[in-house]
């Protein structure tokens, strides 16, 4: 019995255990590599999906931005149309007022006075004219102040025009503000 050697059996067992260890290690490495590969494919797929979603959102955002710009342009056009309509309505509403103004000018002008120029800027009339005497200009201003359609007549300049003794006249520049009579506003409103 002394001749039995157990060393080769143990050696074979160690070699077998090593082979088993390396095969398990190799299998685990292959499974790990497979898991990493599958995870990588999954992450890339999710990234591609998210990129596609982002691209879709960007396209829709650009389309909405275009629609918003169109809406803004339509709002601007609408505001311009409303402004035009208001101007037209004001012109229509004030169309009779200018007739009243001219009628009142005719009533206010005393004999011996005539206008050479009549201009309106805003609510102010600028009148240039000629009178055969200075008191005629004063009468004109009084008549305009008494009128329901005018107020605050202001004489800016009077110059005497020399001629023959019988026909001396004065040129004048006069400013007067328009005023809407209360009775006229009630009739139209």
C-alpha atoms as a PDB file:
ATOM      1  CA  UNK A   1       0.000   0.000   0.000  1.00  0.00           C
ATOM      2  CA  UNK A   2       2.837   2.289   0.280  1.00  0.00           C
ATOM      3  CA  UNK A   3       3.149   2.377  -3.486  1.00  0.00           C
ATOM      4  CA  UNK A   4      -0.191   4.192  -4.139  1.00  0.00           C
ATOM      5  CA  UNK A   5       0.326   7.704  -5.371  1.00  0.00           C
ATOM      6  CA  UNK A   6      -2.656  10.098  -4.953  1.00  0.00           C
ATOM      7  CA  UNK A   7      -0.928  13.062  -6.549  1.00  0.00           C
ATOM      8  CA  UNK A   8      -2.110  12.508 -10.149  1.00  0.00           C
ATOM      9  CA  UNK A   9      -5.700  12.265  -8.983  1.00  0.00           C
ATOM     10  CA  UNK A  10      -5.437  15.546  -7.155  1.00  0.00           C
ATOM     11  CA  UNK A  11      -3.648  17.068 -10.097  1.00  0.00           C
ATOM     12  CA  UNK A  12      -6.420  15.945 -12.416  1.00  0.00           C
ATOM     13  CA  UNK A  13      -8.997  17.349 -10.033  1.00  0.00           C
ATOM     14  CA  UNK A  14      -7.200  20.720  -9.988  1.00  0.00           C
ATOM     15  CA  UNK A  15      -6.944  20.777 -13.791  1.00  0.00           C
ATOM     16  CA  UNK A  16     -10.635  19.867 -14.041  1.00  0.00           C
ATOM     17  CA  UNK A  17     -11.559  22.582 -11.510  1.00  0.00           C
ATOM     18  CA  UNK A  18      -9.444  25.087 -13.453  1.00  0.00           C
ATOM     19  CA  UNK A  19     -11.156  24.149 -16.701  1.00  0.00           C
ATOM     20  CA  UNK A  20     -14.540  24.424 -15.056  1.00  0.00           C
ATOM     21  CA  UNK A  21     -13.567  27.812 -13.568  1.00  0.00           C
ATOM     22  CA  UNK A  22     -12.345  29.138 -16.919  1.00  0.00           C
ATOM     23  CA  UNK A  23     -15.415  27.840 -18.757  1.00  0.00           C
ATOM     24  CA  UNK A  24     -17.682  29.500 -16.170  1.00  0.00           C
ATOM     25  CA  UNK A  25     -15.566  32.647 -16.438  1.00  0.00           C
ATOM     26  CA  UNK A  26     -15.771  32.523 -20.256  1.00  0.00           C
ATOM     27  CA  UNK A  27     -19.533  31.904 -20.157  1.00  0.00           C
ATOM     28  CA  UNK A  28     -20.005  34.742 -17.700  1.00  0.00           C
ATOM     29  CA  UNK A  29     -17.913  37.055 -19.926  1.00  0.00           C
ATOM     30  CA  UNK A  30     -19.987  36.091 -22.981  1.00  0.00           C
ATOM     31  CA  UNK A  31     -23.244  36.601 -21.069  1.00  0.00           C
ATOM     32  CA  UNK A  32     -21.937  39.951 -19.705  1.00  0.00           C
ATOM     33  CA  UNK A  33     -20.876  41.058 -23.186  1.00  0.00           C
ATOM     34  CA  UNK A  34     -24.321  40.041 -24.493  1.00  0.00           C
ATOM     35  CA  UNK A  35     -26.050  41.993 -21.733  1.00  0.00           C
ATOM     36  CA  UNK A  36     -23.870  45.065 -22.455  1.00  0.00           C
ATOM     37  CA  UNK A  37     -24.569  44.710 -26.190  1.00  0.00           C
ATOM     38  CA  UNK A  38     -28.330  44.428 -25.644  1.00  0.00           C
ATOM     39  CA  UNK A  39     -28.253  47.368 -23.221  1.00  0.00           C
ATOM     40  CA  UNK A  40     -26.252  49.416 -25.740  1.00  0.00           C
ATOM     41  CA  UNK A  41     -28.730  48.637 -28.527  1.00  0.00           C
ATOM     42  CA  UNK A  42     -31.614  49.529 -26.187  1.00  0.00           C
ATOM     43  CA  UNK A  43     -30.026  52.850 -25.173  1.00  0.00           C
ATOM     44  CA  UNK A  44     -29.233  53.715 -28.814  1.00  0.00           C
ATOM     45  CA  UNK A  45     -32.809  52.877 -29.760  1.00  0.00           C
ATOM     46  CA  UNK A  46     -34.144  55.118 -26.997  1.00  0.00           C
ATOM     47  CA  UNK A  47     -31.779  57.915 -28.055  1.00  0.00           C
ATOM     48  CA  UNK A  48     -32.885  57.574 -31.702  1.00  0.00           C
ATOM     49  CA  UNK A  49     -36.526  57.584 -30.584  1.00  0.00           C
ATOM     50  CA  UNK A  50     -35.961  60.718 -28.479  1.00  0.00           C
ATOM     51  CA  UNK A  51     -34.095  62.434 -31.337  1.00  0.00           C
ATOM     52  CA  UNK A  52     -37.031  61.645 -33.637  1.00  0.00           C
ATOM     53  CA  UNK A  53     -39.466  63.046 -31.046  1.00  0.00           C
ATOM     54  CA  UNK A  54     -37.333  66.178 -30.640  1.00  0.00           C
ATOM     55  CA  UNK A  55     -37.215  66.614 -34.414  1.00  0.00           C
ATOM     56  CA  UNK A  56     -40.998  66.258 -34.593  1.00  0.00           C
ATOM     57  CA  UNK A  57     -41.438  68.818 -31.789  1.00  0.00           C
ATOM     58  CA  UNK A  58     -39.079  71.244 -33.571  1.00  0.00           C
ATOM     59  CA  UNK A  59     -40.987  70.858 -36.843  1.00  0.00           C
ATOM     60  CA  UNK A  60     -44.310  71.430 -35.090  1.00  0.00           C
ATOM     61  CA  UNK A  61     -42.848  74.419 -33.223  1.00  0.00           C
ATOM     62  CA  UNK A  62     -41.685  75.946 -36.516  1.00  0.00           C
ATOM     63  CA  UNK A  63     -45.141  75.357 -38.015  1.00  0.00           C
ATOM     64  CA  UNK A  64     -46.777  76.964 -34.980  1.00  0.00           C
ATOM     65  CA  UNK A  65     -44.347  79.891 -35.150  1.00  0.00           C
ATOM     66  CA  UNK A  66     -45.389  80.431 -38.781  1.00  0.00           C
ATOM     67  CA  UNK A  67     -49.049  80.294 -37.771  1.00  0.00           C
ATOM     68  CA  UNK A  68     -48.405  82.743 -34.922  1.00  0.00           C
ATOM     69  CA  UNK A  69     -46.655  85.096 -37.355  1.00  0.00           C
ATOM     70  CA  UNK A  70     -49.642  84.806 -39.718  1.00  0.00           C
ATOM     71  CA  UNK A  71     -52.015  85.506 -36.820  1.00  0.00           C
ATOM     72  CA  UNK A  72     -49.942  88.540 -35.802  1.00  0.00           C
ATOM     73  CA  UNK A  73     -50.030  89.799 -39.384  1.00  0.00           C
ATOM     74  CA  UNK A  74     -53.799  89.257 -39.510  1.00  0.00           C
ATOM     75  CA  UNK A  75     -54.154  91.173 -36.233  1.00  0.00           C
ATOM     76  CA  UNK A  76     -52.136  94.050 -37.702  1.00  0.00           C
ATOM     77  CA  UNK A  77     -54.299  94.018 -40.834  1.00  0.00           C
ATOM     78  CA  UNK A  78     -57.402  93.973 -38.640  1.00  0.00           C
ATOM     79  CA  UNK A  79     -56.141  96.968 -36.650  1.00  0.00           C
ATOM     80  CA  UNK A  80     -55.391  98.844 -39.881  1.00  0.00           C
ATOM     81  CA  UNK A  81     -58.871  98.047 -41.190  1.00  0.00           C
ATOM     82  CA  UNK A  82     -60.452  99.168 -37.919  1.00  0.00           C
ATOM     83  CA  UNK A  83     -58.471 102.421 -38.083  1.00  0.00           C
ATOM     84  CA  UNK A  84     -59.619 102.952 -41.673  1.00  0.00           C
ATOM     85  CA  UNK A  85     -63.215 102.205 -40.706  1.00  0.00           C
ATOM     86  CA  UNK A  86     -62.993 104.697 -37.835  1.00  0.00           C
ATOM     87  CA  UNK A  87     -61.564 107.357 -40.155  1.00  0.00           C
ATOM     88  CA  UNK A  88     -64.355 106.707 -42.646  1.00  0.00           C
ATOM     89  CA  UNK A  89     -66.980 106.793 -39.895  1.00  0.00           C
ATOM     90  CA  UNK A  90     -65.525 110.052 -38.559  1.00  0.00           C
ATOM     91  CA  UNK A  91     -65.555 111.525 -42.048  1.00  0.00           C
ATOM     92  CA  UNK A  92     -69.125 110.368 -42.568  1.00  0.00           C
ATOM     93  CA  UNK A  93     -70.169 111.705 -39.169  1.00  0.00           C
ATOM     94  CA  UNK A  94     -68.373 115.036 -39.633  1.00  0.00           C
ATOM     95  CA  UNK A  95     -69.388 115.518 -43.238  1.00  0.00           C
ATOM     96  CA  UNK A  96     -72.276 117.787 -42.267  1.00  0.00           C
ATOM     97  CA  UNK A  97     -70.100 119.720 -39.812  1.00  0.00           C
ATOM     98  CA  UNK A  98     -68.014 121.365 -42.546  1.00  0.00           C
ATOM     99  CA  UNK A  99     -71.233 122.531 -44.185  1.00  0.00           C
ATOM    100  CA  UNK A 100     -72.228 124.142 -40.877  1.00  0.00           C
ATOM    101  CA  UNK A 101     -68.802 125.772 -40.648  1.00  0.00           C
ATOM    102  CA  UNK A 102     -69.047 127.332 -44.093  1.00  0.00           C
ATOM    103  CA  UNK A 103     -72.628 128.391 -43.440  1.00  0.00           C
ATOM    104  CA  UNK A 104     -71.545 130.023 -40.167  1.00  0.00           C
ATOM    105  CA  UNK A 105     -68.624 131.766 -41.893  1.00  0.00           C
ATOM    106  CA  UNK A 106     -71.046 133.233 -44.437  1.00  0.00           C
ATOM    107  CA  UNK A 107     -73.328 134.453 -41.649  1.00  0.00           C
ATOM    108  CA  UNK A 108     -70.414 135.900 -39.638  1.00  0.00           C
ATOM    109  CA  UNK A 109     -68.681 137.851 -42.403  1.00  0.00           C
ATOM    110  CA  UNK A 110     -69.692 141.514 -42.282  1.00  0.00           C
ATOM    111  CA  UNK A 111     -70.026 143.589 -45.418  1.00  0.00           C
ATOM    112  CA  UNK A 112     -66.692 144.833 -46.691  1.00  0.00           C
ATOM    113  CA  UNK A 113     -64.707 141.738 -45.590  1.00  0.00           C
ATOM    114  CA  UNK A 114     -63.650 138.810 -47.733  1.00  0.00           C
ATOM    115  CA  UNK A 115     -61.371 135.825 -47.202  1.00  0.00           C
ATOM    116  CA  UNK A 116     -58.353 135.204 -49.392  1.00  0.00           C
ATOM    117  CA  UNK A 117     -57.370 131.975 -47.700  1.00  0.00           C
ATOM    118  CA  UNK A 118     -59.074 129.561 -45.307  1.00  0.00           C
ATOM    119  CA  UNK A 119     -57.171 126.583 -43.881  1.00  0.00           C
ATOM    120  CA  UNK A 120     -58.079 124.081 -41.185  1.00  0.00           C
ATOM    121  CA  UNK A 121     -55.505 122.180 -39.127  1.00  0.00           C
ATOM    122  CA  UNK A 122     -57.011 119.956 -36.471  1.00  0.00           C
ATOM    123  CA  UNK A 123     -59.641 122.008 -34.717  1.00  0.00           C
ATOM    124  CA  UNK A 124     -58.175 125.417 -35.654  1.00  0.00           C
ATOM    125  CA  UNK A 125     -59.074 127.540 -38.646  1.00  0.00           C
ATOM    126  CA  UNK A 126     -56.432 129.873 -40.092  1.00  0.00           C
ATOM    127  CA  UNK A 127     -58.075 132.710 -41.989  1.00  0.00           C
ATOM    128  CA  UNK A 128     -56.409 135.310 -44.191  1.00  0.00           C
ATOM    129  CA  UNK A 129     -58.484 138.075 -45.677  1.00  0.00           C
ATOM    130  CA  UNK A 130     -58.983 141.687 -46.608  1.00  0.00           C
ATOM    131  CA  UNK A 131     -61.274 144.250 -44.963  1.00  0.00           C
ATOM    132  CA  UNK A 132     -62.090 147.779 -46.120  1.00  0.00           C
ATOM    133  CA  UNK A 133     -61.794 149.003 -42.484  1.00  0.00           C
ATOM    134  CA  UNK A 134     -60.283 147.727 -39.232  1.00  0.00           C
ATOM    135  CA  UNK A 135     -63.637 147.843 -37.442  1.00  0.00           C
ATOM    136  CA  UNK A 136     -64.952 145.280 -39.969  1.00  0.00           C
ATOM    137  CA  UNK A 137     -62.295 142.841 -38.714  1.00  0.00           C
ATOM    138  CA  UNK A 138     -63.454 143.508 -35.149  1.00  0.00           C
ATOM    139  CA  UNK A 139     -67.049 142.841 -36.181  1.00  0.00           C
ATOM    140  CA  UNK A 140     -65.950 139.585 -37.810  1.00  0.00           C
ATOM    141  CA  UNK A 141     -64.221 138.483 -34.618  1.00  0.00           C
ATOM    142  CA  UNK A 142     -67.282 139.357 -32.505  1.00  0.00           C
ATOM    143  CA  UNK A 143     -69.583 137.480 -34.887  1.00  0.00           C
ATOM    144  CA  UNK A 144     -67.317 134.405 -34.785  1.00  0.00           C
ATOM    145  CA  UNK A 145     -67.187 134.479 -30.965  1.00  0.00           C
ATOM    146  CA  UNK A 146     -71.008 134.706 -30.792  1.00  0.00           C
ATOM    147  CA  UNK A 147     -71.370 131.711 -33.080  1.00  0.00           C
ATOM    148  CA  UNK A 148     -72.174 128.259 -31.686  1.00  0.00           C
ATOM    149  CA  UNK A 149     -69.623 126.705 -34.061  1.00  0.00           C
ATOM    150  CA  UNK A 150     -66.548 128.804 -33.250  1.00  0.00           C
ATOM    151  CA  UNK A 151     -64.724 130.085 -30.181  1.00  0.00           C
ATOM    152  CA  UNK A 152     -61.598 131.998 -29.190  1.00  0.00           C
ATOM    153  CA  UNK A 153     -61.015 134.085 -32.301  1.00  0.00           C
ATOM    154  CA  UNK A 154     -57.502 135.486 -32.218  1.00  0.00           C
ATOM    155  CA  UNK A 155     -56.239 138.280 -34.450  1.00  0.00           C
ATOM    156  CA  UNK A 156     -52.636 137.535 -35.349  1.00  0.00           C
ATOM    157  CA  UNK A 157     -51.801 140.321 -37.778  1.00  0.00           C
ATOM    158  CA  UNK A 158     -53.366 143.376 -39.438  1.00  0.00           C
ATOM    159  CA  UNK A 159     -51.550 145.385 -42.075  1.00  0.00           C
ATOM    160  CA  UNK A 160     -52.871 148.454 -43.822  1.00  0.00           C
ATOM    161  CA  UNK A 161     -52.611 148.366 -47.586  1.00  0.00           C
ATOM    162  CA  UNK A 162     -52.039 151.816 -48.979  1.00  0.00           C
ATOM    163  CA  UNK A 163     -53.957 152.761 -52.062  1.00  0.00           C
ATOM    164  CA  UNK A 164     -55.801 155.865 -53.107  1.00  0.00           C
ATOM    165  CA  UNK A 165     -57.436 157.760 -50.298  1.00  0.00           C
ATOM    166  CA  UNK A 166     -60.905 156.399 -51.027  1.00  0.00           C
ATOM    167  CA  UNK A 167     -59.929 152.705 -51.251  1.00  0.00           C
ATOM    168  CA  UNK A 168     -57.547 151.958 -48.375  1.00  0.00           C
ATOM    169  CA  UNK A 169     -57.950 148.433 -46.992  1.00  0.00           C
ATOM    170  CA  UNK A 170     -56.415 146.177 -44.377  1.00  0.00           C
ATOM    171  CA  UNK A 171     -55.232 142.622 -44.767  1.00  0.00           C
ATOM    172  CA  UNK A 172     -55.560 140.419 -41.700  1.00  0.00           C
ATOM    173  CA  UNK A 173     -54.642 137.006 -40.378  1.00  0.00           C
ATOM    174  CA  UNK A 174     -57.051 135.474 -37.902  1.00  0.00           C
ATOM    175  CA  UNK A 175     -57.185 132.190 -35.996  1.00  0.00           C
ATOM    176  CA  UNK A 176     -60.359 130.658 -34.615  1.00  0.00           C
ATOM    177  CA  UNK A 177     -61.113 127.319 -32.922  1.00  0.00           C
ATOM    178  CA  UNK A 178     -64.026 125.149 -33.928  1.00  0.00           C
ATOM    179  CA  UNK A 179     -66.571 124.173 -31.303  1.00  0.00           C
ATOM    180  CA  UNK A 180     -69.268 121.537 -31.567  1.00  0.00           C
ATOM    181  CA  UNK A 181     -72.594 122.985 -30.347  1.00  0.00           C
ATOM    182  CA  UNK A 182     -74.293 120.988 -27.621  1.00  0.00           C
ATOM    183  CA  UNK A 183     -77.558 120.804 -29.533  1.00  0.00           C
ATOM    184  CA  UNK A 184     -75.766 119.344 -32.591  1.00  0.00           C
ATOM    185  CA  UNK A 185     -74.096 116.598 -30.539  1.00  0.00           C
ATOM    186  CA  UNK A 186     -77.446 115.536 -29.032  1.00  0.00           C
ATOM    187  CA  UNK A 187     -79.160 115.369 -32.418  1.00  0.00           C
ATOM    188  CA  UNK A 188     -76.500 113.089 -33.921  1.00  0.00           C
ATOM    189  CA  UNK A 189     -75.765 111.044 -30.795  1.00  0.00           C
END
